[in-house]
Protein backbone atom coordinates (compact mmCIF):
# COMPACT_ATOMS: atom_id res chain seq x y z
CA MET A 1 0.00 0.00 0.00
CA PRO A 2 1.34 3.45 -0.81
CA THR A 3 2.49 5.63 2.04
CA ASN A 4 1.15 9.06 2.87
CA ILE A 5 2.67 11.78 0.75
CA SER A 6 5.25 13.55 2.88
CA GLY A 7 7.57 15.33 0.50
CA PRO A 8 8.22 16.38 -3.08
CA ALA A 9 8.32 13.75 -5.79
CA LEU A 10 11.51 13.21 -7.74
CA VAL A 11 11.72 15.96 -10.33
CA ALA A 12 13.34 15.53 -13.71
CA ASN A 13 16.28 17.88 -14.16
CA GLY A 14 16.36 19.27 -17.67
CA THR A 15 14.52 16.30 -19.15
CA ASN A 16 10.94 15.24 -19.64
CA PRO A 17 8.84 15.17 -16.45
CA ILE A 18 7.34 11.69 -16.02
CA LEU A 19 3.64 11.52 -15.15
CA ILE A 20 1.25 8.60 -14.80
CA SER A 21 -2.21 8.58 -16.29
CA LEU A 22 -4.15 6.94 -13.49
CA ALA A 23 -6.11 4.93 -16.05
CA ALA A 24 -2.92 2.90 -16.46
CA PHE A 25 -3.76 1.05 -13.24
CA GLY A 26 -6.98 -0.37 -14.70
CA ALA A 27 -10.50 1.01 -14.47
CA ALA A 28 -11.81 -1.54 -11.99
CA GLU A 29 -8.86 -1.17 -9.61
CA VAL A 30 -8.90 2.63 -9.78
CA ARG A 31 -12.61 2.78 -9.02
CA ARG A 32 -12.16 0.31 -6.16
CA HIS A 33 -9.25 2.09 -4.45
CA GLY A 34 -9.87 5.65 -5.67
CA GLN A 35 -7.57 7.98 -7.59
CA LEU A 36 -6.14 9.45 -4.39
CA TRP A 37 -4.73 6.01 -3.48
CA PHE A 38 -3.04 5.74 -6.86
CA THR A 39 -1.80 9.32 -6.62
CA ARG A 40 0.09 8.30 -3.50
CA LEU A 41 1.40 5.16 -5.15
CA SER A 42 2.58 7.20 -8.14
CA HIS A 43 4.42 9.56 -5.81
CA ASP A 44 6.06 6.66 -3.99
CA ALA A 45 7.14 5.25 -7.36
CA GLY A 46 8.96 8.48 -8.19
CA ALA A 47 6.56 9.99 -10.72
CA ASP A 48 6.68 13.75 -11.19
CA GLY A 49 2.91 13.98 -11.55
CA ILE A 50 -0.39 12.36 -12.40
CA GLU A 51 -3.25 12.64 -14.84
CA VAL A 52 -6.65 12.42 -13.16
CA ARG A 53 -9.37 10.80 -15.25
CA SER A 54 -12.95 12.06 -15.21
CA GLU A 55 -14.40 8.70 -16.22
CA LEU A 56 -12.84 7.00 -13.18
CA LEU A 57 -14.11 9.41 -10.53
CA VAL A 58 -16.64 7.80 -8.21
CA ASP A 59 -17.41 10.87 -6.10
CA ALA A 60 -15.83 13.91 -7.74
CA ALA A 61 -17.04 16.28 -5.02
CA THR A 62 -14.82 14.60 -2.43
CA GLU A 63 -12.11 13.03 -4.58
CA LEU A 64 -10.97 16.12 -6.48
CA PRO A 65 -10.27 18.32 -3.41
CA ALA A 66 -8.47 15.44 -1.70
CA ILE A 67 -6.26 14.80 -4.72
CA ALA A 68 -5.64 18.54 -5.06
CA GLN A 69 -4.35 18.71 -1.50
CA ALA A 70 -2.17 15.64 -1.99
CA VAL A 71 -0.47 16.85 -5.18
CA GLN A 72 0.06 20.32 -3.73
CA THR A 73 1.70 18.87 -0.63
CA ALA A 74 3.91 16.63 -2.74
CA GLY A 75 4.81 19.25 -5.32
CA MET A 76 3.51 17.00 -8.09
CA ARG A 77 2.26 18.06 -11.50
CA VAL A 78 -1.38 17.36 -12.30
CA VAL A 79 -3.37 17.18 -15.53
CA TYR A 80 -7.14 16.77 -15.70
CA SER A 81 -8.43 14.48 -18.45
CA CYS A 82 -12.09 14.89 -19.39
CA ALA A 83 -13.69 12.05 -21.36
CA ASP A 84 -16.35 14.36 -22.85
CA ASN A 85 -15.86 15.73 -26.36
CA LEU A 86 -15.52 19.45 -26.97
CA TRP A 87 -17.83 19.41 -29.99
CA THR A 88 -21.04 17.48 -30.53
CA ALA A 89 -21.65 15.23 -33.51
CA GLY A 90 -23.37 18.16 -35.19
CA GLY A 91 -20.37 20.44 -34.73
CA SER A 92 -21.66 22.60 -31.88
CA LEU A 93 -19.33 23.51 -29.04
CA ASP A 94 -20.50 21.53 -26.03
CA SER A 95 -20.41 24.41 -23.55
CA ALA A 96 -21.87 22.33 -20.74
CA ALA A 97 -19.14 19.68 -21.06
CA LEU A 98 -16.47 22.38 -21.29
CA ASN A 99 -17.75 24.17 -18.20
CA ARG A 100 -17.87 20.93 -16.21
CA ALA A 101 -14.33 20.10 -17.26
CA LEU A 102 -12.98 23.54 -16.41
CA ALA A 103 -14.70 23.53 -13.02
CA ALA A 104 -13.22 20.13 -12.22
CA ALA A 105 -9.75 21.24 -13.33
CA GLN A 106 -10.01 24.34 -11.13
CA THR A 107 -11.06 22.26 -8.11
CA LEU A 108 -8.15 19.92 -8.77
CA GLY A 109 -5.72 22.80 -9.21
CA ALA A 110 -4.78 21.43 -12.63
CA PRO A 111 -3.32 24.03 -14.99
CA ARG A 112 -3.79 21.73 -17.98
CA LEU A 113 -7.00 20.18 -19.35
CA LYS A 114 -7.01 17.34 -21.87
CA MET A 115 -10.01 16.77 -24.15
CA SER A 116 -10.80 15.45 -27.65
CA ILE A 117 -12.35 17.46 -30.47
CA GLY A 118 -15.25 15.06 -31.06
CA GLY A 119 -17.40 16.30 -33.94
CA PHE A 120 -15.35 19.36 -34.89
CA GLY A 121 -16.00 20.32 -38.52
CA ASP A 122 -16.85 23.19 -40.83
CA ALA A 123 -19.81 24.20 -38.66
CA SER A 124 -17.49 24.49 -35.67
CA HIS A 125 -15.14 27.16 -37.00
CA SER A 126 -17.20 30.06 -35.69
CA THR A 127 -17.15 28.63 -32.15
CA LEU A 128 -13.38 28.83 -31.63
CA ALA A 129 -13.50 32.40 -30.32
CA ALA A 130 -15.98 31.37 -27.61
CA LEU A 131 -13.71 28.50 -26.60
CA HIS A 132 -10.71 30.82 -26.47
CA GLU A 133 -12.57 33.31 -24.29
CA ARG A 134 -13.71 30.65 -21.84
CA LEU A 135 -10.18 29.28 -21.49
CA HIS A 136 -8.72 32.76 -21.16
CA VAL A 137 -11.03 33.57 -18.24
CA THR A 138 -9.93 30.47 -16.33
CA GLY A 139 -6.25 30.54 -17.28
CA ILE A 140 -6.33 26.79 -17.93
CA GLU A 141 -4.32 25.38 -20.84
CA LEU A 142 -6.17 23.12 -23.28
CA VAL A 143 -4.33 20.21 -24.87
CA ILE A 144 -6.20 18.32 -27.58
CA GLU A 145 -5.71 14.55 -27.70
CA ASN A 146 -5.83 12.23 -30.68
CA ASP A 147 -8.36 9.66 -29.48
CA GLN A 148 -9.25 6.28 -31.02
CA THR A 149 -12.14 7.51 -33.21
CA PRO A 150 -12.16 8.36 -36.93
CA GLN A 151 -13.72 11.74 -36.12
CA ALA A 152 -11.07 12.92 -33.68
CA GLY A 153 -8.13 10.56 -33.95
CA THR A 154 -6.87 10.77 -37.52
CA LEU A 155 -4.09 12.96 -38.82
CA ALA A 156 -6.46 14.70 -41.24
CA ALA A 157 -8.94 15.53 -38.45
CA LEU A 158 -6.25 16.91 -36.14
CA GLN A 159 -4.52 18.87 -38.88
CA ASP A 160 -7.84 20.44 -39.88
CA PHE A 161 -8.50 21.48 -36.30
CA PHE A 162 -5.07 22.95 -35.62
CA ASP A 163 -4.82 24.63 -39.03
CA THR A 164 -8.21 26.26 -38.49
CA ALA A 165 -7.42 27.33 -34.93
CA ASN A 166 -3.96 28.65 -35.83
CA ALA A 167 -5.38 30.63 -38.74
CA GLN A 168 -7.75 32.36 -36.31
CA GLY A 169 -4.89 33.13 -33.94
CA PHE A 170 -5.65 30.42 -31.37
CA PHE A 171 -2.56 28.33 -30.70
CA TRP A 172 -3.66 25.40 -28.57
CA GLY A 173 -1.38 22.52 -27.78
CA MET A 174 -1.76 18.80 -28.28
CA THR A 175 -1.60 15.64 -26.23
CA PHE A 176 0.14 13.20 -28.58
CA ASP A 177 -0.95 9.64 -27.76
CA MET A 178 1.66 7.42 -29.39
CA GLY A 179 -0.51 4.33 -29.41
CA ASN A 180 -3.92 5.65 -30.43
CA TRP A 181 -2.85 6.21 -34.04
CA HIS A 182 -2.90 2.46 -34.57
CA TRP A 183 -6.58 2.24 -33.67
CA THR A 184 -7.39 4.69 -36.48
CA GLY A 185 -5.03 3.10 -39.02
CA GLU A 186 -2.52 5.96 -38.95
CA CYS A 187 1.28 6.02 -38.85
CA PRO A 188 2.45 7.52 -35.54
CA LEU A 189 5.80 8.56 -37.00
CA GLN A 190 4.12 10.43 -39.84
CA ALA A 191 1.76 12.06 -37.33
CA ALA A 192 4.68 13.06 -35.13
CA GLY A 193 6.40 14.75 -38.05
CA ALA A 194 3.26 16.65 -39.01
CA LEU A 195 2.02 17.65 -35.56
CA ALA A 196 5.21 18.10 -33.54
CA PRO A 197 4.89 21.93 -33.39
CA GLN A 198 1.57 21.54 -31.54
CA VAL A 199 2.69 18.88 -29.04
CA ARG A 200 2.87 19.92 -25.38
CA TYR A 201 2.29 16.55 -23.68
CA VAL A 202 2.89 12.93 -24.69
CA HIS A 203 1.01 9.77 -23.75
CA CYS A 204 3.61 6.99 -23.86
CA LYS A 205 1.82 3.84 -24.99
CA GLY A 206 3.19 0.74 -26.65
CA VAL A 207 1.02 -1.43 -28.87
CA GLN A 208 0.83 -5.01 -30.04
CA ARG A 209 -1.50 -6.54 -32.58
CA GLN A 210 -3.74 -9.39 -31.45
CA PRO A 211 -6.32 -11.10 -33.66
CA GLN A 212 -8.91 -8.48 -34.64
CA ARG A 213 -7.62 -5.77 -32.31
CA TRP A 214 -4.76 -3.67 -30.99
CA VAL A 215 -3.82 -3.79 -27.31
CA ALA A 216 -1.81 -1.35 -25.20
CA VAL A 217 1.46 -2.65 -23.73
CA PRO A 218 4.56 -1.14 -22.06
CA VAL A 219 6.58 0.81 -24.58
CA ALA A 220 9.54 -1.56 -24.25
CA GLU A 221 7.28 -4.38 -25.52
CA SER A 222 5.79 -2.36 -28.37
CA SER A 223 5.82 -3.50 -31.98
CA ALA A 224 5.76 0.17 -33.07
CA PRO A 225 8.84 2.42 -33.58
CA TRP A 226 8.32 4.22 -30.28
CA ARG A 227 11.88 5.51 -29.89
CA ALA A 228 11.75 7.18 -33.32
CA VAL A 229 8.38 8.73 -32.46
CA LEU A 230 9.70 10.19 -29.20
CA ARG A 231 12.76 11.58 -30.98
CA ALA A 232 10.46 13.30 -33.51
CA LEU A 233 8.51 15.10 -30.78
CA PRO A 234 9.53 18.26 -28.89
CA ALA A 235 12.16 17.88 -26.20
CA SER A 236 11.38 18.29 -22.50
CA VAL A 237 7.57 18.09 -22.72
CA PRO A 238 5.95 15.89 -20.05
CA TRP A 239 5.58 12.18 -20.79
CA ALA A 240 2.77 10.20 -19.17
CA ILE A 241 2.64 6.44 -18.77
CA GLU A 242 -0.58 5.38 -20.49
CA TYR A 243 -0.05 1.65 -20.73
CA PRO A 244 -1.14 -1.02 -18.25
CA LEU A 245 0.61 -1.11 -14.89
CA ALA A 246 -0.19 -4.33 -13.04
CA GLY A 247 1.49 -6.97 -10.88
CA ASP A 248 1.64 -8.50 -7.45
CA ASP A 249 4.12 -5.81 -6.38
CA LEU A 250 2.47 -2.86 -8.09
CA LEU A 251 4.75 -0.30 -6.49
CA SER A 252 7.86 -2.03 -7.84
CA VAL A 253 6.33 -2.39 -11.29
CA THR A 254 5.41 1.28 -11.37
CA ARG A 255 8.78 2.38 -10.02
CA ARG A 256 10.54 0.34 -12.71
CA GLU A 257 8.49 1.86 -15.53
CA VAL A 258 8.95 5.42 -14.25
CA ALA A 259 12.71 4.82 -13.96
CA MET A 260 12.86 3.36 -17.45
CA LEU A 261 11.21 6.39 -19.03
CA ARG A 262 13.30 8.78 -16.98
CA THR A 263 16.49 7.04 -18.07
CA LEU A 264 15.37 7.20 -21.68
CA ALA A 265 14.54 10.90 -21.35
CA THR A 266 17.97 11.59 -19.84
CA ARG A 267 19.75 9.73 -22.64
CA MET A 268 17.76 11.56 -25.29
CA ALA A 269 18.52 14.91 -23.67
CA SER A 270 22.24 14.07 -23.52
CA ARG A 271 22.31 13.30 -27.23
CA GLN A 272 20.44 16.48 -28.09
CA ASN A 273 22.86 18.56 -26.01
CA ALA A 274 25.99 16.82 -27.33
């Protein structure tokens, strides 16, 4: 069982901060123990921060303030991930979903909010100013994720969104999920080359192909060119573990994976600075 948080987490020095998406511990386990429990475990494992998941909150009214206090005490980074889409299937900005997400991020003390574009299309272009204004009022940074859907997870869909937003003067960042491209039939290396200027946050996820489906695995076990993808992305942005973390000694497993990514980040930084 993780200990109480009593001091700052290990902090990467000049390399990529290492976070853990709490979904990595499995939906059933996270709902059973609560995200605060896994926040403490992540801290004990040496992670620099966590990503709290809206879809795994059982009682947001009590969980979010408790997690906020824990990460503040520990000096950990925190990202809030909202499972709702920003735009409806018809292309309207889902203001209710956005407001819920921003309120939750504020309660959590998270400076960064991750969402997907959903049904963004031609009818959505006129809504970008309203989104910008709402974000500006809160001071929360939006990072758009490539999800596993054809509507919001293909290179064409993401390029259309960012090109449109940039043309209007709205320069939002991206959460680049290395593994999700496979679910939409895309090449992650090609996507990294095209979208790197937008990337502010990376979901590290390995993949393997099983009959009829892709599955997420630790990056070291991935059949995809994950090292090349990471090298193609901006240096020093946070990396989050987004692959399954499980085992009889969960703390040791998590500590090993955090250390592996931190070592990789340090080596990559050394080569870039050489």
